[in-house]
Every structure is written in C-alpha cells, then in structure tokens.
N, C-alpha and C. Protein backbone atom coordinates (compact mmCIF):
# COMPACT_ATOMS: atom_id res chain seq x y z
N UNK A 1 -53.45 121.78 -1.50
CA UNK A 1 -54.01 120.75 -0.70
C UNK A 1 -54.36 119.49 -1.56
N UNK A 2 -53.52 119.26 -2.58
CA UNK A 2 -53.70 118.04 -3.31
C UNK A 2 -54.18 118.23 -4.77
N UNK A 3 -54.79 119.35 -5.11
CA UNK A 3 -55.32 119.51 -6.46
C UNK A 3 -54.28 120.08 -7.44
N UNK A 4 -53.46 121.03 -6.93
CA UNK A 4 -52.52 121.67 -7.79
C UNK A 4 -51.13 121.70 -7.20
N UNK A 5 -50.14 121.35 -8.07
CA UNK A 5 -48.75 121.49 -7.61
C UNK A 5 -48.33 122.91 -7.68
N UNK A 6 -48.65 123.53 -8.82
CA UNK A 6 -48.37 124.97 -9.03
C UNK A 6 -49.70 125.71 -9.17
N UNK A 7 -49.77 126.87 -8.66
CA UNK A 7 -50.94 127.68 -8.72
C UNK A 7 -50.81 128.59 -9.97
N UNK A 8 -51.33 128.13 -11.10
CA UNK A 8 -51.18 128.81 -12.37
C UNK A 8 -51.58 130.28 -12.29
N UNK A 9 -52.71 130.59 -11.72
CA UNK A 9 -53.21 131.92 -11.62
C UNK A 9 -52.32 132.79 -10.79
N UNK A 10 -51.87 132.32 -9.67
CA UNK A 10 -50.95 133.10 -8.76
C UNK A 10 -49.64 133.35 -9.47
N UNK A 11 -49.13 132.35 -10.14
CA UNK A 11 -47.85 132.63 -10.89
C UNK A 11 -48.08 133.61 -11.97
N UNK A 12 -49.21 133.47 -12.71
CA UNK A 12 -49.50 134.38 -13.75
C UNK A 12 -49.73 135.82 -13.25
N UNK A 13 -50.36 135.95 -12.08
CA UNK A 13 -50.54 137.31 -11.50
C UNK A 13 -49.21 137.97 -11.17
N UNK A 14 -48.37 137.26 -10.55
CA UNK A 14 -47.08 137.85 -10.16
C UNK A 14 -46.23 138.14 -11.42
N UNK A 15 -46.24 137.24 -12.39
CA UNK A 15 -45.52 137.48 -13.62
C UNK A 15 -46.07 138.75 -14.32
N UNK A 16 -47.39 138.88 -14.42
CA UNK A 16 -48.01 140.04 -15.04
C UNK A 16 -47.52 141.32 -14.32
N UNK A 17 -47.51 141.29 -13.00
CA UNK A 17 -47.09 142.44 -12.26
C UNK A 17 -45.63 142.76 -12.53
N UNK A 18 -44.78 141.79 -12.73
CA UNK A 18 -43.39 142.07 -13.06
C UNK A 18 -43.21 142.65 -14.44
N UNK A 19 -44.20 142.45 -15.31
CA UNK A 19 -44.14 142.95 -16.70
C UNK A 19 -44.85 144.30 -16.85
N UNK A 20 -45.41 144.85 -15.71
CA UNK A 20 -46.00 146.16 -15.78
C UNK A 20 -47.48 146.31 -15.45
N UNK A 21 -48.15 145.18 -15.34
CA UNK A 21 -49.60 145.23 -14.95
C UNK A 21 -49.64 145.36 -13.43
N UNK A 22 -50.05 146.47 -12.91
CA UNK A 22 -49.93 146.75 -11.50
C UNK A 22 -51.07 146.11 -10.72
N UNK A 23 -52.35 146.19 -11.21
CA UNK A 23 -53.48 145.74 -10.45
C UNK A 23 -54.11 144.57 -11.21
N UNK A 24 -54.21 143.41 -10.53
CA UNK A 24 -54.77 142.17 -11.12
C UNK A 24 -56.04 141.81 -10.36
N UNK A 25 -57.05 141.50 -11.17
CA UNK A 25 -58.34 140.97 -10.61
C UNK A 25 -58.40 139.56 -10.97
N UNK A 26 -58.50 138.70 -9.95
CA UNK A 26 -58.58 137.21 -10.13
C UNK A 26 -60.05 136.80 -9.89
N UNK A 27 -60.62 136.09 -10.85
CA UNK A 27 -61.91 135.51 -10.77
C UNK A 27 -61.81 134.01 -10.74
N UNK A 28 -62.48 133.35 -9.81
CA UNK A 28 -62.38 131.93 -9.65
C UNK A 28 -63.78 131.33 -9.58
N UNK A 29 -64.16 130.56 -10.63
CA UNK A 29 -65.47 129.97 -10.59
C UNK A 29 -65.43 128.41 -10.46
N UNK A 30 -64.32 127.89 -10.00
CA UNK A 30 -64.20 126.48 -9.73
C UNK A 30 -65.13 126.07 -8.62
N UNK A 31 -65.65 124.81 -8.64
CA UNK A 31 -66.51 124.39 -7.56
C UNK A 31 -65.82 124.40 -6.19
N UNK A 32 -64.53 124.19 -6.22
CA UNK A 32 -63.75 124.22 -4.94
C UNK A 32 -63.20 125.61 -4.73
N UNK A 33 -63.25 126.07 -3.49
CA UNK A 33 -62.68 127.37 -3.17
C UNK A 33 -61.20 127.35 -3.35
N UNK A 34 -60.68 128.42 -3.93
CA UNK A 34 -59.23 128.56 -4.20
C UNK A 34 -58.52 129.09 -2.95
N UNK A 35 -58.41 128.26 -1.96
CA UNK A 35 -57.88 128.65 -0.67
C UNK A 35 -56.43 129.10 -0.80
N UNK A 36 -55.64 128.43 -1.70
CA UNK A 36 -54.27 128.81 -1.90
C UNK A 36 -54.15 130.19 -2.56
N UNK A 37 -54.95 130.45 -3.50
CA UNK A 37 -54.91 131.77 -4.17
C UNK A 37 -55.33 132.81 -3.20
N UNK A 38 -56.39 132.61 -2.48
CA UNK A 38 -56.83 133.58 -1.48
C UNK A 38 -55.75 133.78 -0.43
N UNK A 39 -55.13 132.76 0.02
CA UNK A 39 -54.11 132.94 1.06
C UNK A 39 -52.94 133.70 0.55
N UNK A 40 -52.52 133.36 -0.71
CA UNK A 40 -51.33 134.04 -1.25
C UNK A 40 -51.51 135.54 -1.38
N UNK A 41 -52.70 135.98 -1.69
CA UNK A 41 -52.93 137.40 -1.94
C UNK A 41 -53.76 138.10 -0.82
N UNK A 42 -53.99 137.43 0.28
CA UNK A 42 -54.83 137.89 1.38
C UNK A 42 -54.40 139.19 1.99
N UNK A 43 -53.10 139.49 1.92
CA UNK A 43 -52.62 140.75 2.49
C UNK A 43 -52.16 141.75 1.43
N UNK A 44 -52.65 141.54 0.22
CA UNK A 44 -52.12 142.35 -0.95
C UNK A 44 -53.26 143.18 -1.53
N UNK A 45 -53.07 144.47 -1.54
CA UNK A 45 -54.11 145.36 -2.09
C UNK A 45 -53.97 145.62 -3.60
N UNK A 46 -52.97 144.94 -4.21
CA UNK A 46 -52.84 145.07 -5.70
C UNK A 46 -53.45 143.90 -6.44
N UNK A 47 -53.92 142.92 -5.68
CA UNK A 47 -54.61 141.77 -6.35
C UNK A 47 -55.96 141.58 -5.62
N UNK A 48 -57.06 141.60 -6.46
CA UNK A 48 -58.38 141.35 -5.90
C UNK A 48 -58.76 139.96 -6.23
N UNK A 49 -59.24 139.21 -5.21
CA UNK A 49 -59.62 137.80 -5.42
C UNK A 49 -61.15 137.69 -5.26
N UNK A 50 -61.82 137.21 -6.32
CA UNK A 50 -63.26 137.07 -6.29
C UNK A 50 -63.55 135.55 -6.57
N UNK A 51 -64.35 134.90 -5.70
CA UNK A 51 -64.58 133.47 -5.84
C UNK A 51 -66.02 133.14 -5.67
N UNK A 52 -66.55 132.29 -6.50
CA UNK A 52 -67.83 131.62 -6.30
C UNK A 52 -67.47 130.12 -6.22
N UNK A 53 -68.06 129.43 -5.28
CA UNK A 53 -67.68 128.04 -5.06
C UNK A 53 -68.75 127.35 -4.20
N UNK A 54 -68.85 126.04 -4.30
CA UNK A 54 -69.78 125.33 -3.47
C UNK A 54 -69.34 125.36 -2.04
N UNK A 55 -70.30 125.63 -1.14
CA UNK A 55 -69.92 125.74 0.27
C UNK A 55 -71.07 125.25 1.16
N UNK A 56 -70.83 124.42 2.11
CA UNK A 56 -69.51 123.87 2.46
C UNK A 56 -69.15 122.73 1.47
N UNK A 57 -67.92 122.68 1.12
CA UNK A 57 -67.35 121.70 0.22
C UNK A 57 -65.86 121.74 0.42
N UNK A 58 -65.21 120.69 -0.07
CA UNK A 58 -63.75 120.71 0.08
C UNK A 58 -63.17 121.99 -0.55
N UNK A 59 -62.28 122.70 0.07
CA UNK A 59 -61.51 122.44 1.26
C UNK A 59 -62.12 123.04 2.54
N UNK A 60 -63.37 123.51 2.52
CA UNK A 60 -64.04 124.01 3.68
C UNK A 60 -63.75 125.50 3.97
N UNK A 61 -63.11 126.20 3.02
CA UNK A 61 -62.82 127.60 3.20
C UNK A 61 -63.69 128.41 2.20
N UNK A 62 -63.60 129.74 2.37
CA UNK A 62 -64.29 130.60 1.43
C UNK A 62 -65.65 131.15 1.96
N UNK A 63 -65.77 131.38 3.18
CA UNK A 63 -67.01 132.00 3.71
C UNK A 63 -67.03 133.48 3.33
N UNK A 64 -68.18 134.08 3.39
CA UNK A 64 -68.35 135.48 3.01
C UNK A 64 -67.57 136.38 4.00
N UNK A 65 -67.23 135.88 5.13
CA UNK A 65 -66.51 136.74 6.13
C UNK A 65 -65.02 136.79 5.86
N UNK A 66 -64.55 135.97 4.96
CA UNK A 66 -63.11 135.99 4.56
C UNK A 66 -62.93 137.09 3.51
N UNK A 67 -62.42 138.23 3.94
CA UNK A 67 -62.32 139.41 3.04
C UNK A 67 -60.91 139.95 2.89
N UNK A 68 -59.90 139.24 3.39
CA UNK A 68 -58.52 139.67 3.31
C UNK A 68 -58.03 140.10 4.72
N UNK A 69 -56.72 140.40 4.75
CA UNK A 69 -56.13 140.74 6.01
C UNK A 69 -55.15 141.94 5.80
N UNK A 70 -54.94 142.68 6.87
CA UNK A 70 -54.01 143.84 6.80
C UNK A 70 -54.38 144.80 5.68
N UNK A 71 -53.38 145.15 4.86
CA UNK A 71 -53.71 146.08 3.78
C UNK A 71 -54.51 145.46 2.70
N UNK A 72 -54.64 144.11 2.72
CA UNK A 72 -55.48 143.41 1.74
C UNK A 72 -56.92 143.28 2.17
N UNK A 73 -57.29 143.83 3.32
CA UNK A 73 -58.64 143.75 3.81
C UNK A 73 -59.56 144.43 2.83
N UNK A 74 -60.63 143.72 2.38
CA UNK A 74 -61.57 144.23 1.46
C UNK A 74 -61.20 143.91 -0.05
N UNK A 75 -60.13 143.12 -0.23
CA UNK A 75 -59.72 142.79 -1.60
C UNK A 75 -59.92 141.31 -1.90
N UNK A 76 -60.73 140.66 -1.01
CA UNK A 76 -61.15 139.30 -1.22
C UNK A 76 -62.68 139.30 -1.11
N UNK A 77 -63.37 138.71 -2.06
CA UNK A 77 -64.84 138.62 -2.05
C UNK A 77 -65.26 137.24 -2.41
N UNK A 78 -65.81 136.53 -1.45
CA UNK A 78 -66.31 135.16 -1.64
C UNK A 78 -67.79 135.13 -1.72
N UNK A 79 -68.31 134.39 -2.63
CA UNK A 79 -69.72 134.07 -2.75
C UNK A 79 -69.92 132.58 -2.62
N UNK A 80 -70.17 132.10 -1.38
CA UNK A 80 -70.40 130.65 -1.18
C UNK A 80 -71.76 130.29 -1.82
N UNK A 81 -71.71 129.21 -2.59
CA UNK A 81 -72.93 128.75 -3.23
C UNK A 81 -73.38 127.45 -2.58
N UNK A 82 -74.67 127.37 -2.32
CA UNK A 82 -75.21 126.12 -1.70
C UNK A 82 -75.28 124.99 -2.73
N UNK A 83 -75.25 123.77 -2.22
CA UNK A 83 -75.46 122.59 -3.02
C UNK A 83 -76.77 122.78 -3.77
N UNK A 84 -76.79 122.56 -5.09
CA UNK A 84 -77.96 122.71 -5.90
C UNK A 84 -78.07 124.08 -6.53
N UNK A 85 -77.19 125.04 -6.23
CA UNK A 85 -77.18 126.32 -6.93
C UNK A 85 -76.94 126.10 -8.39
N UNK A 86 -77.45 127.05 -9.23
CA UNK A 86 -77.29 126.89 -10.65
C UNK A 86 -77.24 128.16 -11.37
N UNK A 87 -77.79 128.19 -12.56
CA UNK A 87 -77.73 129.33 -13.49
C UNK A 87 -78.21 130.62 -12.86
N UNK A 88 -79.27 130.63 -12.13
CA UNK A 88 -79.82 131.84 -11.56
C UNK A 88 -78.85 132.48 -10.55
N UNK A 89 -78.31 131.71 -9.68
CA UNK A 89 -77.35 132.23 -8.65
C UNK A 89 -76.06 132.72 -9.28
N UNK A 90 -75.62 131.98 -10.26
CA UNK A 90 -74.37 132.37 -10.92
C UNK A 90 -74.57 133.57 -11.81
N UNK A 91 -75.73 133.71 -12.44
CA UNK A 91 -76.02 134.91 -13.21
C UNK A 91 -75.93 136.13 -12.34
N UNK A 92 -76.56 136.05 -11.14
CA UNK A 92 -76.52 137.19 -10.25
C UNK A 92 -75.11 137.59 -9.81
N UNK A 93 -74.31 136.54 -9.48
CA UNK A 93 -72.92 136.75 -9.05
C UNK A 93 -72.11 137.46 -10.12
N UNK A 94 -72.21 136.96 -11.38
CA UNK A 94 -71.37 137.47 -12.49
C UNK A 94 -71.95 138.63 -13.30
N UNK A 95 -73.23 138.93 -13.09
CA UNK A 95 -73.77 140.05 -13.85
C UNK A 95 -74.32 141.16 -13.00
N UNK A 96 -74.48 140.93 -11.72
CA UNK A 96 -74.94 141.95 -10.77
C UNK A 96 -73.78 142.39 -9.82
N UNK A 97 -73.10 141.45 -9.21
CA UNK A 97 -72.10 141.78 -8.18
C UNK A 97 -70.69 142.04 -8.84
N UNK A 98 -70.27 141.12 -9.67
CA UNK A 98 -68.90 141.27 -10.24
C UNK A 98 -68.64 142.56 -10.96
N UNK A 99 -69.53 143.08 -11.78
CA UNK A 99 -69.22 144.32 -12.53
C UNK A 99 -68.87 145.51 -11.63
N UNK A 100 -69.62 145.64 -10.55
CA UNK A 100 -69.31 146.81 -9.68
C UNK A 100 -68.00 146.62 -8.95
N UNK A 101 -67.61 145.39 -8.60
CA UNK A 101 -66.29 145.17 -7.95
C UNK A 101 -65.15 145.46 -8.89
N UNK A 102 -65.29 144.98 -10.15
CA UNK A 102 -64.24 145.21 -11.14
C UNK A 102 -64.14 146.75 -11.43
N UNK A 103 -65.25 147.40 -11.55
CA UNK A 103 -65.20 148.85 -11.85
C UNK A 103 -64.55 149.62 -10.70
N UNK A 104 -64.87 149.25 -9.45
CA UNK A 104 -64.34 149.94 -8.28
C UNK A 104 -62.81 149.68 -8.20
N UNK A 105 -62.36 148.46 -8.51
CA UNK A 105 -60.91 148.08 -8.30
C UNK A 105 -60.10 148.67 -9.44
N UNK A 106 -60.65 148.82 -10.66
CA UNK A 106 -59.99 149.34 -11.85
C UNK A 106 -58.70 148.51 -12.13
N UNK A 107 -58.86 147.26 -12.45
CA UNK A 107 -57.65 146.41 -12.69
C UNK A 107 -56.99 146.70 -14.09
N UNK A 108 -55.75 146.32 -14.17
CA UNK A 108 -55.01 146.38 -15.43
C UNK A 108 -55.15 145.09 -16.19
N UNK A 109 -55.54 144.00 -15.46
CA UNK A 109 -55.66 142.70 -16.08
C UNK A 109 -56.64 141.89 -15.26
N UNK A 110 -57.34 140.96 -15.92
CA UNK A 110 -58.22 140.03 -15.23
C UNK A 110 -57.75 138.60 -15.60
N UNK A 111 -57.55 137.79 -14.56
CA UNK A 111 -57.18 136.41 -14.72
C UNK A 111 -58.31 135.54 -14.15
N UNK A 112 -58.64 134.48 -14.88
CA UNK A 112 -59.81 133.66 -14.51
C UNK A 112 -59.38 132.22 -14.25
N UNK A 113 -59.64 131.70 -13.05
CA UNK A 113 -59.55 130.29 -12.79
C UNK A 113 -60.84 129.64 -13.26
N UNK A 114 -60.83 129.11 -14.43
CA UNK A 114 -62.05 128.58 -15.04
C UNK A 114 -62.24 127.12 -14.70
N UNK A 115 -62.99 126.91 -13.62
CA UNK A 115 -63.27 125.59 -13.16
C UNK A 115 -64.64 125.13 -13.61
N UNK A 116 -64.68 124.32 -14.68
CA UNK A 116 -65.92 123.89 -15.28
C UNK A 116 -66.54 122.69 -14.56
N UNK A 117 -66.01 122.44 -13.33
CA UNK A 117 -66.62 121.40 -12.50
C UNK A 117 -67.87 121.98 -11.80
N UNK A 118 -68.32 123.13 -12.15
CA UNK A 118 -69.57 123.67 -11.70
C UNK A 118 -70.77 123.19 -12.55
N UNK A 119 -70.44 122.39 -13.55
CA UNK A 119 -71.49 121.85 -14.43
C UNK A 119 -72.36 120.86 -13.70
N UNK A 120 -73.62 120.81 -14.05
CA UNK A 120 -74.59 119.85 -13.46
C UNK A 120 -74.16 118.43 -13.70
N UNK A 121 -73.45 118.16 -14.82
CA UNK A 121 -72.99 116.80 -15.10
C UNK A 121 -71.75 116.31 -14.29
N UNK A 122 -71.12 117.23 -13.61
CA UNK A 122 -69.86 116.91 -12.99
C UNK A 122 -70.00 116.03 -11.79
N UNK A 123 -69.24 114.93 -11.71
CA UNK A 123 -69.40 113.99 -10.61
C UNK A 123 -68.87 114.49 -9.23
N UNK A 124 -68.01 115.53 -9.22
CA UNK A 124 -67.50 116.05 -7.99
C UNK A 124 -68.18 117.29 -7.48
N UNK A 125 -69.34 117.62 -8.11
CA UNK A 125 -69.95 118.88 -7.74
C UNK A 125 -71.41 118.73 -7.43
N UNK A 126 -71.90 119.59 -6.56
CA UNK A 126 -73.36 119.65 -6.30
C UNK A 126 -73.90 120.96 -6.93
N UNK A 127 -73.13 121.60 -7.76
CA UNK A 127 -73.57 122.80 -8.43
C UNK A 127 -74.21 122.38 -9.77
N UNK A 128 -75.19 123.13 -10.23
CA UNK A 128 -75.98 122.75 -11.37
C UNK A 128 -76.05 123.79 -12.51
N UNK A 129 -74.85 124.14 -13.03
CA UNK A 129 -74.75 125.14 -14.06
C UNK A 129 -74.85 124.43 -15.39
N UNK A 130 -75.60 125.02 -16.36
CA UNK A 130 -75.82 124.52 -17.72
C UNK A 130 -74.94 125.21 -18.75
N UNK A 131 -75.11 124.87 -19.99
CA UNK A 131 -74.41 125.51 -21.09
C UNK A 131 -74.71 127.03 -21.02
N UNK A 132 -76.00 127.37 -20.88
CA UNK A 132 -76.40 128.79 -20.81
C UNK A 132 -75.84 129.47 -19.55
N UNK A 133 -75.70 128.77 -18.52
CA UNK A 133 -75.09 129.36 -17.31
C UNK A 133 -73.62 129.69 -17.56
N UNK A 134 -72.86 128.75 -18.21
CA UNK A 134 -71.46 129.03 -18.56
C UNK A 134 -71.38 130.27 -19.42
N UNK A 135 -72.27 130.35 -20.41
CA UNK A 135 -72.26 131.45 -21.30
C UNK A 135 -72.49 132.77 -20.57
N UNK A 136 -73.42 132.79 -19.67
CA UNK A 136 -73.72 133.99 -18.86
C UNK A 136 -72.54 134.38 -17.94
N UNK A 137 -71.87 133.40 -17.34
CA UNK A 137 -70.70 133.63 -16.55
C UNK A 137 -69.62 134.37 -17.37
N UNK A 138 -69.30 133.76 -18.51
CA UNK A 138 -68.28 134.32 -19.43
C UNK A 138 -68.68 135.70 -19.91
N UNK A 139 -69.92 135.86 -20.29
CA UNK A 139 -70.38 137.18 -20.75
C UNK A 139 -70.24 138.17 -19.62
N UNK A 140 -70.56 137.81 -18.43
CA UNK A 140 -70.46 138.74 -17.27
C UNK A 140 -69.02 139.15 -17.01
N UNK A 141 -68.12 138.23 -17.13
CA UNK A 141 -66.68 138.50 -16.92
C UNK A 141 -66.20 139.47 -18.01
N UNK A 142 -66.49 139.17 -19.24
CA UNK A 142 -66.00 139.95 -20.40
C UNK A 142 -66.67 141.35 -20.40
N UNK A 143 -67.92 141.40 -20.10
CA UNK A 143 -68.56 142.76 -20.08
C UNK A 143 -68.06 143.61 -18.90
N UNK A 144 -67.70 142.91 -17.78
CA UNK A 144 -67.17 143.67 -16.66
C UNK A 144 -65.82 144.28 -17.05
N UNK A 145 -64.99 143.56 -17.80
CA UNK A 145 -63.73 144.12 -18.29
C UNK A 145 -63.96 145.26 -19.23
N UNK A 146 -64.90 145.12 -20.10
CA UNK A 146 -65.19 146.17 -21.10
C UNK A 146 -65.68 147.44 -20.40
N UNK A 147 -66.58 147.30 -19.43
CA UNK A 147 -67.15 148.44 -18.71
C UNK A 147 -66.05 149.12 -17.89
N UNK A 148 -65.19 148.37 -17.28
CA UNK A 148 -64.15 148.92 -16.47
C UNK A 148 -63.15 149.68 -17.35
N UNK A 149 -62.81 149.10 -18.52
CA UNK A 149 -61.90 149.76 -19.42
C UNK A 149 -62.46 151.08 -19.92
N UNK A 150 -63.74 151.10 -20.20
CA UNK A 150 -64.36 152.31 -20.73
C UNK A 150 -64.53 153.42 -19.66
N UNK A 151 -64.52 153.01 -18.38
CA UNK A 151 -64.73 153.99 -17.30
C UNK A 151 -63.39 154.49 -16.80
N UNK A 152 -62.30 153.86 -17.14
CA UNK A 152 -61.00 154.21 -16.60
C UNK A 152 -60.19 154.96 -17.69
N UNK A 153 -59.50 156.00 -17.34
CA UNK A 153 -58.67 156.72 -18.31
C UNK A 153 -57.40 155.92 -18.51
N UNK A 154 -57.42 155.10 -19.52
CA UNK A 154 -56.25 154.25 -19.85
C UNK A 154 -55.84 154.43 -21.33
N UNK A 155 -54.61 154.25 -21.59
CA UNK A 155 -54.17 154.28 -22.98
C UNK A 155 -54.61 153.04 -23.70
N UNK A 156 -54.75 151.90 -22.99
CA UNK A 156 -55.16 150.65 -23.59
C UNK A 156 -56.69 150.72 -23.78
N UNK A 157 -57.14 150.13 -24.87
CA UNK A 157 -58.61 150.09 -25.16
C UNK A 157 -59.27 149.05 -24.30
N UNK A 158 -58.63 147.94 -24.04
CA UNK A 158 -59.25 146.87 -23.36
C UNK A 158 -58.37 146.34 -22.24
N UNK A 159 -59.01 145.83 -21.22
CA UNK A 159 -58.28 145.14 -20.16
C UNK A 159 -58.11 143.69 -20.65
N UNK A 160 -56.88 143.19 -20.60
CA UNK A 160 -56.74 141.79 -20.98
C UNK A 160 -57.43 140.85 -20.03
N UNK A 161 -58.08 139.82 -20.57
CA UNK A 161 -58.72 138.79 -19.77
C UNK A 161 -58.14 137.48 -20.19
N UNK A 162 -57.60 136.73 -19.20
CA UNK A 162 -56.96 135.46 -19.55
C UNK A 162 -57.68 134.36 -18.74
N UNK A 163 -58.16 133.35 -19.41
CA UNK A 163 -58.77 132.18 -18.75
C UNK A 163 -57.77 131.05 -18.66
N UNK A 164 -57.66 130.48 -17.44
CA UNK A 164 -56.84 129.33 -17.23
C UNK A 164 -57.74 128.14 -16.85
N UNK A 165 -57.56 127.07 -17.56
CA UNK A 165 -58.38 125.86 -17.29
C UNK A 165 -58.09 125.31 -15.95
N UNK A 166 -59.12 125.10 -15.14
CA UNK A 166 -58.96 124.48 -13.82
C UNK A 166 -59.69 123.14 -13.82
N UNK A 167 -60.70 123.05 -12.92
CA UNK A 167 -61.46 121.76 -12.80
C UNK A 167 -62.45 121.50 -13.88
N UNK A 168 -62.88 120.25 -13.93
CA UNK A 168 -63.87 119.78 -14.91
C UNK A 168 -63.67 118.30 -15.09
N UNK A 169 -64.54 117.45 -14.58
CA UNK A 169 -64.31 116.07 -14.52
C UNK A 169 -65.29 115.24 -15.36
N UNK A 170 -66.21 115.88 -16.01
CA UNK A 170 -67.10 115.26 -17.01
C UNK A 170 -66.58 115.78 -18.33
N UNK A 171 -65.89 114.92 -19.12
CA UNK A 171 -65.18 115.40 -20.27
C UNK A 171 -66.09 115.99 -21.35
N UNK A 172 -67.29 115.49 -21.53
CA UNK A 172 -68.22 116.05 -22.52
C UNK A 172 -68.61 117.45 -22.08
N UNK A 173 -69.02 117.62 -20.83
CA UNK A 173 -69.43 118.92 -20.31
C UNK A 173 -68.25 119.85 -20.34
N UNK A 174 -67.07 119.40 -20.03
CA UNK A 174 -65.86 120.25 -20.04
C UNK A 174 -65.59 120.75 -21.42
N UNK A 175 -65.63 119.85 -22.45
CA UNK A 175 -65.44 120.30 -23.84
C UNK A 175 -66.45 121.33 -24.29
N UNK A 176 -67.71 121.13 -23.95
CA UNK A 176 -68.77 122.08 -24.29
C UNK A 176 -68.49 123.47 -23.67
N UNK A 177 -68.05 123.43 -22.43
CA UNK A 177 -67.85 124.65 -21.67
C UNK A 177 -66.67 125.43 -22.23
N UNK A 178 -65.60 124.73 -22.55
CA UNK A 178 -64.43 125.40 -23.16
C UNK A 178 -64.81 126.05 -24.51
N UNK A 179 -65.58 125.34 -25.31
CA UNK A 179 -66.02 125.80 -26.60
C UNK A 179 -66.91 127.06 -26.41
N UNK A 180 -67.81 127.05 -25.47
CA UNK A 180 -68.64 128.19 -25.19
C UNK A 180 -67.81 129.42 -24.83
N UNK A 181 -66.84 129.17 -23.95
CA UNK A 181 -65.95 130.23 -23.50
C UNK A 181 -65.20 130.85 -24.67
N UNK A 182 -64.62 130.02 -25.51
CA UNK A 182 -63.84 130.48 -26.67
C UNK A 182 -64.73 131.28 -27.64
N UNK A 183 -65.96 130.80 -27.92
CA UNK A 183 -66.88 131.48 -28.75
C UNK A 183 -67.23 132.88 -28.21
N UNK A 184 -67.48 132.92 -26.91
CA UNK A 184 -67.80 134.24 -26.30
C UNK A 184 -66.63 135.23 -26.37
N UNK A 185 -65.40 134.68 -26.20
CA UNK A 185 -64.22 135.54 -26.27
C UNK A 185 -63.98 136.08 -27.66
N UNK A 186 -64.41 135.35 -28.66
CA UNK A 186 -64.19 135.73 -30.03
C UNK A 186 -65.22 136.69 -30.59
N UNK A 187 -66.29 136.95 -29.87
CA UNK A 187 -67.37 137.86 -30.29
C UNK A 187 -66.91 139.27 -30.33
C-alpha cells in the first residue's frame, strides 16, 4: 500500500522454507501494521505472524480479532498499541506475551521486521519507545529464541534470528536503535 515494493520478510520466509526451515515466526514491531505480511500468511500454519503497531493508524488493519483464516487460524497475533504507548506496553508484549507464543509454535527461524519508527522522536508515530524500550524489545525477542531452542529437541543449538530494517524516519533515533540492536545481538 505504498511503503514497500517488495516485502523483504515475506520473501525471506519463503526462501528460508525452500532451504529447509519449515516453521518461521515473523515478529513485526513497525509502527504501521504489516497488512501485506499478515495477508500473505493468513492461511498458512507454517508461518506465525506477531505484530505490535499503533492502532488505529495507517493502514487501519491489525485488530486483535485478526487471527488468521482457514488452516492459518490462530497463527496471527496482533497487539494494537494506543497512541502514546511506550516502554511499559512494549515490555509486556515482548517479555510476557511473545515468549509463550514462540515456545508454543516451536519455530525453526525467527524473522523480524524491525521498524524503529516506534521511537518517541519519530515524526510519523504516536508511539513513545525510548533507547531502553528498544533494548527490552530486542532482549525479549532474543531470549524467546533461546528459550524455545532449549525447550525443543533440535540438533541446532540456536534458532536463527534475522532482523530486517523497516521504518524509522528520525535518523538519529534510527541510528541509535540499530546500534542497540546490534550490541544486544552480539552479547
């Protein structure tokens, strides 16, 4: 709907599946709901789509009642965030809710639509996430992958987690957020 010509995460998910990763968990923390990603995998029980996004906000999709269709029912989980939501609400989503969903789904790979337009400084957002909020989101994602890997009988030690840069329109806040993400990934 105007933001992306190609859906990097969707292309990555299908490519990963062609190379042997059967179950993909997509996490999307962009301020805008990933309606294209959700639609693409809405009937697919091999891809779980988890999204936090400002709601109502463009494109107007992503209510908590949107949970998938057909055999994909229950494999979409939206957490609409109100204008003004910030670190506290995002901490809960990524450290309380996300880990149990990842553990239950038992993915082979996690792909992240990393939309840093959730920052308080961002001109296109009413979300108020700080540096510490970004750190907690990333920690929540990485620890969910570690916990899922340790609870699943797999030959691999870790579930791969790949972050793909999405939104972020305040360049200073965007740079800080990417640096925080990389530092957390390197720990």
